[in-house]
Amino acid sequence: MNQYTGECVVSTAITATGTVVKVEGEVDLLTVPPVETQVNALIDAAPEQVLVDLTGVRFFGSAGLAMLVSAKRRAASRGVRLGVIADHRAVVRPLEMGGLLDHFDLHPTPESAGCPVSR
């Protein structure tokens, strides 16, 4: 499933090891709602693991950070592991500056998260 909104495209893929939400473009106050909706819906389905792939994100604002924190809490309350896939400054730096790096299971690629997804 793909959803385009402004400067953000959200798609999902189900693999043998979990569900991946791939986000491309900019994640800010205007574009975070469809990302959050998709992530929450997948967490609510209670798979073993949900991965949020942010490797295609070129801007990640405070609304994105808040969405990840909220998703982490939601996932924990449902017994779902939440991982983040990111390998570049646009995403890793805001996580670092927000003191959140240690709060997320961070992977540089889908493959390193045990979730081979075609790019």
N, C-alpha and C. Protein backbone atom coordinates (compact mmCIF):
# COMPACT_ATOMS: atom_id res chain seq x y z
N MET A 1 0.84 -1.18 0.00
CA MET A 1 0.00 0.00 0.00
C MET A 1 0.88 1.24 0.00
N ASN A 2 0.60 2.19 -0.86
CA ASN A 2 1.32 3.46 -0.92
C ASN A 2 0.35 4.60 -0.64
N GLN A 3 0.83 5.59 0.07
CA GLN A 3 0.03 6.78 0.32
C GLN A 3 0.93 7.99 0.15
N TYR A 4 0.54 8.93 -0.71
CA TYR A 4 1.33 10.14 -0.94
C TYR A 4 0.62 11.31 -0.30
N THR A 5 1.36 12.08 0.44
CA THR A 5 0.80 13.28 1.01
C THR A 5 1.87 14.35 1.07
N GLY A 6 1.71 15.37 0.28
CA GLY A 6 2.69 16.45 0.24
C GLY A 6 4.04 15.94 -0.18
N GLU A 7 5.02 16.08 0.67
CA GLU A 7 6.39 15.66 0.39
C GLU A 7 6.75 14.35 1.06
N CYS A 8 5.76 13.49 1.30
CA CYS A 8 6.00 12.26 2.03
C CYS A 8 5.23 11.10 1.39
N VAL A 9 5.93 10.00 1.15
CA VAL A 9 5.30 8.79 0.61
C VAL A 9 5.47 7.69 1.65
N VAL A 10 4.38 7.01 1.98
CA VAL A 10 4.40 5.94 2.97
C VAL A 10 3.95 4.66 2.30
N SER A 11 4.73 3.58 2.47
CA SER A 11 4.34 2.28 1.92
C SER A 11 4.62 1.22 2.97
N THR A 12 3.97 0.09 2.83
CA THR A 12 4.17 -1.00 3.78
C THR A 12 4.48 -2.29 3.05
N ALA A 13 5.21 -3.15 3.74
CA ALA A 13 5.52 -4.48 3.21
C ALA A 13 5.51 -5.45 4.39
N ILE A 14 4.98 -6.62 4.15
CA ILE A 14 4.98 -7.66 5.18
C ILE A 14 5.99 -8.71 4.76
N THR A 15 6.90 -9.04 5.68
CA THR A 15 7.93 -10.02 5.41
C THR A 15 7.81 -11.16 6.41
N ALA A 16 8.65 -12.15 6.26
CA ALA A 16 8.62 -13.30 7.17
C ALA A 16 9.01 -12.91 8.59
N THR A 17 9.77 -11.83 8.75
CA THR A 17 10.24 -11.46 10.07
C THR A 17 9.58 -10.22 10.66
N GLY A 18 8.63 -9.64 9.96
CA GLY A 18 7.96 -8.46 10.50
C GLY A 18 7.32 -7.61 9.43
N THR A 19 6.82 -6.49 9.85
CA THR A 19 6.16 -5.55 8.95
C THR A 19 7.02 -4.30 8.85
N VAL A 20 7.18 -3.81 7.63
CA VAL A 20 8.02 -2.64 7.39
C VAL A 20 7.16 -1.49 6.88
N VAL A 21 7.32 -0.32 7.50
CA VAL A 21 6.71 0.91 7.02
C VAL A 21 7.85 1.71 6.42
N LYS A 22 7.83 1.90 5.12
CA LYS A 22 8.88 2.67 4.44
C LYS A 22 8.38 4.09 4.21
N VAL A 23 9.17 5.04 4.66
CA VAL A 23 8.81 6.45 4.56
C VAL A 23 9.86 7.14 3.69
N GLU A 24 9.38 7.92 2.72
CA GLU A 24 10.29 8.65 1.85
C GLU A 24 9.86 10.11 1.79
N GLY A 25 10.84 11.01 1.76
CA GLY A 25 10.55 12.43 1.66
C GLY A 25 10.80 13.16 2.95
N GLU A 26 9.88 14.04 3.31
CA GLU A 26 10.02 14.88 4.50
C GLU A 26 8.99 14.48 5.55
N VAL A 27 9.45 14.37 6.80
CA VAL A 27 8.55 14.07 7.91
C VAL A 27 8.53 15.29 8.82
N ASP A 28 7.40 16.00 8.79
CA ASP A 28 7.24 17.20 9.59
C ASP A 28 5.80 17.27 10.09
N LEU A 29 5.43 18.39 10.66
CA LEU A 29 4.10 18.55 11.23
C LEU A 29 2.98 18.29 10.22
N LEU A 30 3.20 18.65 8.98
CA LEU A 30 2.16 18.47 7.95
C LEU A 30 2.10 17.06 7.40
N THR A 31 3.23 16.36 7.39
CA THR A 31 3.26 15.04 6.75
C THR A 31 3.25 13.87 7.72
N VAL A 32 3.41 14.12 9.01
CA VAL A 32 3.48 13.03 9.97
C VAL A 32 2.15 12.28 10.20
N PRO A 33 0.97 12.91 10.07
CA PRO A 33 -0.26 12.17 10.36
C PRO A 33 -0.44 10.85 9.59
N PRO A 34 -0.22 10.80 8.27
CA PRO A 34 -0.40 9.51 7.60
C PRO A 34 0.66 8.49 7.99
N VAL A 35 1.86 8.95 8.32
CA VAL A 35 2.90 8.03 8.80
C VAL A 35 2.46 7.43 10.13
N GLU A 36 2.02 8.29 11.03
CA GLU A 36 1.58 7.84 12.35
C GLU A 36 0.38 6.89 12.24
N THR A 37 -0.56 7.22 11.38
CA THR A 37 -1.73 6.36 11.19
C THR A 37 -1.32 4.97 10.73
N GLN A 38 -0.41 4.91 9.76
CA GLN A 38 0.04 3.63 9.22
C GLN A 38 0.81 2.83 10.27
N VAL A 39 1.74 3.48 10.96
CA VAL A 39 2.53 2.81 11.99
C VAL A 39 1.61 2.28 13.10
N ASN A 40 0.68 3.11 13.56
CA ASN A 40 -0.23 2.68 14.63
C ASN A 40 -1.10 1.51 14.20
N ALA A 41 -1.60 1.54 12.97
CA ALA A 41 -2.44 0.45 12.48
C ALA A 41 -1.65 -0.86 12.45
N LEU A 42 -0.41 -0.79 12.06
CA LEU A 42 0.40 -2.00 12.01
C LEU A 42 0.73 -2.50 13.40
N ILE A 43 1.04 -1.60 14.31
CA ILE A 43 1.29 -1.99 15.70
C ILE A 43 0.04 -2.64 16.30
N ASP A 44 -1.12 -2.06 16.03
CA ASP A 44 -2.37 -2.59 16.57
C ASP A 44 -2.68 -3.99 16.05
N ALA A 45 -2.16 -4.34 14.87
CA ALA A 45 -2.35 -5.69 14.34
C ALA A 45 -1.49 -6.70 15.09
N ALA A 46 -0.60 -6.22 15.95
CA ALA A 46 0.22 -7.02 16.85
C ALA A 46 1.11 -8.06 16.17
N PRO A 47 1.88 -7.65 15.16
CA PRO A 47 2.88 -8.58 14.65
C PRO A 47 4.02 -8.68 15.67
N GLU A 48 4.95 -9.55 15.46
CA GLU A 48 6.08 -9.66 16.38
C GLU A 48 6.94 -8.40 16.34
N GLN A 49 7.09 -7.83 15.13
CA GLN A 49 7.97 -6.69 14.96
C GLN A 49 7.44 -5.74 13.89
N VAL A 50 7.60 -4.44 14.14
CA VAL A 50 7.32 -3.40 13.14
C VAL A 50 8.61 -2.61 12.98
N LEU A 51 9.03 -2.45 11.72
CA LEU A 51 10.21 -1.66 11.41
C LEU A 51 9.78 -0.41 10.66
N VAL A 52 10.29 0.74 11.08
CA VAL A 52 10.02 2.00 10.40
C VAL A 52 11.28 2.34 9.61
N ASP A 53 11.21 2.19 8.30
CA ASP A 53 12.35 2.42 7.42
C ASP A 53 12.38 3.88 7.00
N LEU A 54 13.34 4.62 7.54
CA LEU A 54 13.48 6.05 7.27
C LEU A 54 14.67 6.35 6.37
N THR A 55 15.18 5.34 5.67
CA THR A 55 16.36 5.56 4.82
C THR A 55 16.07 6.49 3.65
N GLY A 56 14.81 6.65 3.29
CA GLY A 56 14.45 7.54 2.19
C GLY A 56 14.00 8.92 2.65
N VAL A 57 14.17 9.22 3.92
CA VAL A 57 13.73 10.51 4.47
C VAL A 57 14.86 11.53 4.36
N ARG A 58 14.54 12.70 3.82
CA ARG A 58 15.56 13.74 3.67
C ARG A 58 15.42 14.86 4.72
N PHE A 59 14.28 14.90 5.43
CA PHE A 59 14.09 15.83 6.55
C PHE A 59 13.25 15.13 7.60
N PHE A 60 13.69 15.20 8.87
CA PHE A 60 12.99 14.54 9.96
C PHE A 60 12.88 15.53 11.11
N GLY A 61 11.70 16.13 11.25
CA GLY A 61 11.49 17.17 12.25
C GLY A 61 11.01 16.64 13.59
N SER A 62 10.75 17.56 14.49
CA SER A 62 10.33 17.20 15.85
C SER A 62 9.02 16.42 15.87
N ALA A 63 8.15 16.66 14.90
CA ALA A 63 6.90 15.89 14.84
C ALA A 63 7.20 14.42 14.56
N GLY A 64 8.22 14.16 13.77
CA GLY A 64 8.64 12.78 13.52
C GLY A 64 9.20 12.13 14.78
N LEU A 65 9.98 12.89 15.53
CA LEU A 65 10.50 12.36 16.80
C LEU A 65 9.37 12.01 17.75
N ALA A 66 8.40 12.92 17.88
CA ALA A 66 7.26 12.68 18.76
C ALA A 66 6.47 11.46 18.30
N MET A 67 6.32 11.28 16.99
CA MET A 67 5.60 10.13 16.45
C MET A 67 6.32 8.84 16.81
N LEU A 68 7.66 8.82 16.70
CA LEU A 68 8.41 7.61 17.04
C LEU A 68 8.30 7.28 18.53
N VAL A 69 8.38 8.29 19.39
CA VAL A 69 8.25 8.07 20.83
C VAL A 69 6.87 7.49 21.15
N SER A 70 5.84 8.07 20.56
CA SER A 70 4.47 7.58 20.77
C SER A 70 4.32 6.15 20.25
N ALA A 71 4.89 5.87 19.09
CA ALA A 71 4.81 4.52 18.52
C ALA A 71 5.55 3.52 19.39
N LYS A 72 6.68 3.92 19.95
CA LYS A 72 7.45 3.04 20.83
C LYS A 72 6.62 2.66 22.05
N ARG A 73 5.95 3.63 22.64
CA ARG A 73 5.09 3.36 23.81
C ARG A 73 3.93 2.44 23.43
N ARG A 74 3.31 2.72 22.30
CA ARG A 74 2.18 1.92 21.83
C ARG A 74 2.63 0.48 21.59
N ALA A 75 3.76 0.34 20.93
CA ALA A 75 4.29 -1.00 20.63
C ALA A 75 4.60 -1.77 21.92
N ALA A 76 5.23 -1.09 22.86
CA ALA A 76 5.58 -1.74 24.13
C ALA A 76 4.33 -2.21 24.86
N SER A 77 3.27 -1.43 24.82
CA SER A 77 2.04 -1.80 25.52
C SER A 77 1.34 -2.99 24.87
N ARG A 78 1.70 -3.28 23.63
CA ARG A 78 1.07 -4.40 22.90
C ARG A 78 2.03 -5.57 22.70
N GLY A 79 3.23 -5.47 23.26
CA GLY A 79 4.20 -6.55 23.14
C GLY A 79 4.81 -6.66 21.75
N VAL A 80 4.86 -5.55 21.02
CA VAL A 80 5.42 -5.52 19.67
C VAL A 80 6.78 -4.84 19.73
N ARG A 81 7.77 -5.44 19.07
CA ARG A 81 9.08 -4.79 18.97
C ARG A 81 9.02 -3.73 17.87
N LEU A 82 9.54 -2.55 18.16
CA LEU A 82 9.59 -1.48 17.18
C LEU A 82 11.04 -1.16 16.87
N GLY A 83 11.40 -1.25 15.60
CA GLY A 83 12.75 -0.91 15.18
C GLY A 83 12.72 0.23 14.19
N VAL A 84 13.84 0.94 14.10
CA VAL A 84 13.98 2.05 13.17
C VAL A 84 15.16 1.75 12.26
N ILE A 85 14.95 1.94 10.96
CA ILE A 85 16.01 1.76 9.99
C ILE A 85 16.39 3.14 9.48
N ALA A 86 17.62 3.55 9.78
CA ALA A 86 18.11 4.86 9.35
C ALA A 86 19.62 4.82 9.37
N ASP A 87 20.22 5.45 8.37
CA ASP A 87 21.68 5.41 8.27
C ASP A 87 22.29 6.76 7.89
N HIS A 88 21.51 7.81 7.98
CA HIS A 88 22.02 9.09 7.50
C HIS A 88 21.65 10.23 8.45
N ARG A 89 22.40 11.30 8.31
CA ARG A 89 22.33 12.43 9.23
C ARG A 89 20.94 13.04 9.37
N ALA A 90 20.16 13.08 8.29
CA ALA A 90 18.85 13.73 8.34
C ALA A 90 17.94 13.11 9.40
N VAL A 91 18.16 11.84 9.71
CA VAL A 91 17.33 11.16 10.71
C VAL A 91 18.12 10.88 11.99
N VAL A 92 19.34 10.40 11.85
CA VAL A 92 20.12 10.02 13.03
C VAL A 92 20.44 11.24 13.89
N ARG A 93 20.76 12.36 13.28
CA ARG A 93 21.11 13.56 14.06
C ARG A 93 19.96 14.05 14.93
N PRO A 94 18.73 14.17 14.43
CA PRO A 94 17.63 14.57 15.32
C PRO A 94 17.41 13.57 16.46
N LEU A 95 17.56 12.27 16.18
CA LEU A 95 17.44 11.27 17.25
C LEU A 95 18.52 11.48 18.30
N GLU A 96 19.72 11.75 17.83
CA GLU A 96 20.85 11.99 18.74
C GLU A 96 20.63 13.25 19.56
N MET A 97 20.26 14.34 18.91
CA MET A 97 20.07 15.62 19.60
C MET A 97 18.89 15.55 20.59
N GLY A 98 17.92 14.72 20.28
CA GLY A 98 16.78 14.55 21.18
C GLY A 98 17.04 13.56 22.30
N GLY A 99 18.25 13.00 22.35
CA GLY A 99 18.59 12.02 23.38
C GLY A 99 17.84 10.71 23.22
N LEU A 100 17.47 10.38 21.99
CA LEU A 100 16.62 9.21 21.75
C LEU A 100 17.32 8.02 21.12
N LEU A 101 18.59 8.15 20.77
CA LEU A 101 19.28 7.05 20.10
C LEU A 101 19.21 5.75 20.91
N ASP A 102 19.40 5.84 22.21
CA ASP A 102 19.41 4.65 23.05
C ASP A 102 18.02 4.07 23.30
N HIS A 103 16.98 4.78 22.89
CA HIS A 103 15.61 4.33 23.13
C HIS A 103 15.05 3.50 21.99
N PHE A 104 15.78 3.44 20.88
CA PHE A 104 15.28 2.72 19.71
C PHE A 104 16.27 1.67 19.25
N ASP A 105 15.73 0.58 18.74
CA ASP A 105 16.52 -0.45 18.10
C ASP A 105 16.82 0.06 16.70
N LEU A 106 18.01 0.66 16.51
CA LEU A 106 18.36 1.35 15.28
C LEU A 106 19.22 0.46 14.38
N HIS A 107 18.84 0.35 13.11
CA HIS A 107 19.55 -0.46 12.13
C HIS A 107 19.89 0.40 10.92
N PRO A 108 21.06 0.18 10.29
CA PRO A 108 21.40 0.97 9.11
C PRO A 108 20.69 0.52 7.83
N THR A 109 20.25 -0.74 7.77
CA THR A 109 19.58 -1.26 6.56
C THR A 109 18.49 -2.24 6.98
N PRO A 110 17.52 -2.48 6.09
CA PRO A 110 16.52 -3.51 6.39
C PRO A 110 17.16 -4.88 6.59
N GLU A 111 18.19 -5.17 5.82
CA GLU A 111 18.87 -6.46 5.94
C GLU A 111 19.51 -6.63 7.31
N SER A 112 20.11 -5.57 7.84
CA SER A 112 20.73 -5.65 9.16
C SER A 112 19.69 -5.82 10.27
N ALA A 113 18.45 -5.47 9.97
CA ALA A 113 17.35 -5.66 10.93
C ALA A 113 16.73 -7.04 10.76
N GLY A 114 17.31 -7.84 9.84
CA GLY A 114 16.78 -9.19 9.60
C GLY A 114 15.54 -9.19 8.76
N CYS A 115 15.38 -8.15 7.96
CA CYS A 115 14.15 -7.97 7.19
C CYS A 115 14.49 -7.57 5.76
N PRO A 116 14.89 -8.51 4.90
CA PRO A 116 15.25 -8.14 3.54
C PRO A 116 14.04 -7.66 2.74
N VAL A 117 14.05 -6.40 2.39
CA VAL A 117 12.96 -5.79 1.62
C VAL A 117 13.59 -5.14 0.40
N SER A 118 12.98 -5.32 -0.75
CA SER A 118 13.52 -4.70 -1.95
C SER A 118 13.36 -3.19 -1.87
N ARG A 119 14.32 -2.48 -2.38
CA ARG A 119 14.31 -1.02 -2.33
C ARG A 119 13.86 -0.46 -3.62
